[in-house]
Amino acid sequence: MPDWQKIQKVGIPTRYAVATVAFVNFIYVYMLRLNVNIVIVAMVNYTAIPHTNITTAEECGHDAAGNNNTEIRPDFTDGEFQWDERLQSLVSGSFFWGYIITQLVGGRLAERIGTKYMFAALQIAVGIVTVCLPALANVGIEFFIMGRVMLGLAQGALVPSMQPLVAKWAPEPERNSFATFIFSGCQMGTILGTLFSGMMADSLGWKAVFYIEGSLSLIVVSAWLFFIYDSPAVHPRISRQEREYIESATVSSKNSRKLPVPWMAIIKSPPCWALLSATLGYNWAFYMLLTELPIYMRNIMHFNLKDNSMLSALPWLLMWIISIVAAKISDLIVKRNWVSINTTRKTFNTIAFCGPALCLTIVSFIGCDRYWTLAMLTLAVGLLGASYSGILINHLDLAPNFAGTLYGLVAGVACISSWVAPLVVATLTEAEQTLARWRIAFLLCAGILTANAIIFILLGSTERQEWDRAVGEDADSIRNVGEAPSSKHQLLKSVTLSSS
């Protein structure tokens, strides 16, 4: 009788502990990435900005019966800094000036030296910079922007460095759910960061947000160092059975650190270009909504800081739920061979792109209806979560050996839209916070999403690329992504999943 049929229950599988700690660290990453987008509302003195246009209060500051409602006003106009819309956009976007640089090299660096200590060092650096941000803001906005650039430099390598870790720890039948759970920490971080940053700024002051959240790096890094190892082979507490299962159900080469990067093959690959195009579109929508949604809800919908933070968190909560549900459905579809993995990826990606495009188009013509606007914006952000079963897992489909490099390259270039989108919206709405101006911003985003959904359908692929294989590796020796696992894999998985 084979050994894997004698496995006893040994507790929570180690890979689940790895995924959970990685998930928590991604929550922290995004809390520190976006807190300034919430806190800036309390930092800026809006009434002191000479050109700030308050036509918005007259345009949407009324109830459904058409009566003036002058009580629906922001109650946080007494901040310390006179930063106009363009400067606020620079503060938010400056993060990506540093982020784009380390995105390009972070994945490859993690492939060569490992993820564990590199990730921990960067998390500590992120915490230190965050604690220093209030002091930098008091010195001058240029120093505050410099701090945001440094934060971007530290965080830029974090996400691509996770790709090699996922490639080594995620068994093929669980890959989508495993990766989605980890990276959905981005949405949970957005939710918790939006809620708690707003509440802390409202009750303790905006400086407390940076001090408290920055100090949390000591906790999350301690958990990371204890639970995370670069591969099952070097983990001291994993069972032999689980290690053998993971190693037999992953496709990355054992000598992947020594493989030369096939740069020209990547550049000439149509699926890689389709992935890049789709990521540009995704980043445009994600970061436009992430950075501008609080501003829209303040200037157009007239929510105060506490309401703004709580209501702004709703879309990201829905996005987190949809990302998890979509991943489970995607895995189920692939395992039962209802449709191909290629069709599954493109279907979920189309939902993730065209759904929000439709919602944003509706928002553009709703007018001042607060409840329908909130519902449509929530749904628009939520449906983006389906992309975790689309383009956001596609790097591992195309090149598991170079998943970090490919992710870093694609995400690094796509960072352009991450800071261009908020800047475009700020330029459109500068000194004219009106429905007409915001309509242009929403329709532009809808058009970009629709166009990139079509490009990914036409050129995207899930086939593992030939240039990802090691020299002499037999193309048939490794199962294609999406192929049903063998009975041995199924049995091992069923036993390890049954652990209590």
Foldseek 3Di string as FASTA:
>chain_A
DDPLVVDDFDFAALLVLLLVLLLLVLLLLQLLLQLCLQLVLQAAQQVPQVLAAQVLCVFQQDDPVRDHNNVLAAPRNPHDHHAFLLLSLLLNLLLLVLLLVLLQVLLLVCLQPNQQVLLLVLLLQLLVLLLCLVVQVVVHSVSNSVSSSSNSNSSNNNVLSCLLQLLQSPFLLCSLLSVLSSNLSNLSSLLVSLQVSLVCCVPPNNSVSSNVSSVCSVVSSVSSNVSDDRHLVPDPPGDPLSNVLSNVRGDADPVLSPDDDPVVCLVPALQLVLLLLLLLLLLLVQLLCSNCVLVCCCSNVRDYSNVSSNLSSLLSVLQSVLLNVLSVVLSVCLQVCVDFLLVSQLVLLCQLQLQLLVLLLVLLPPGNPNVSNSVSSSRSSNSVSSNSSHSVSLLCLAASSSSSNSSSNSVSVSSVSNSVSSSVLSVQPGSNSDSNSVSVSSNVSSVSSNVSSVSCNVRHDRFHDPSNDDVPDDPVVDDHRSHHDDPVSVSSVVNSVPHD
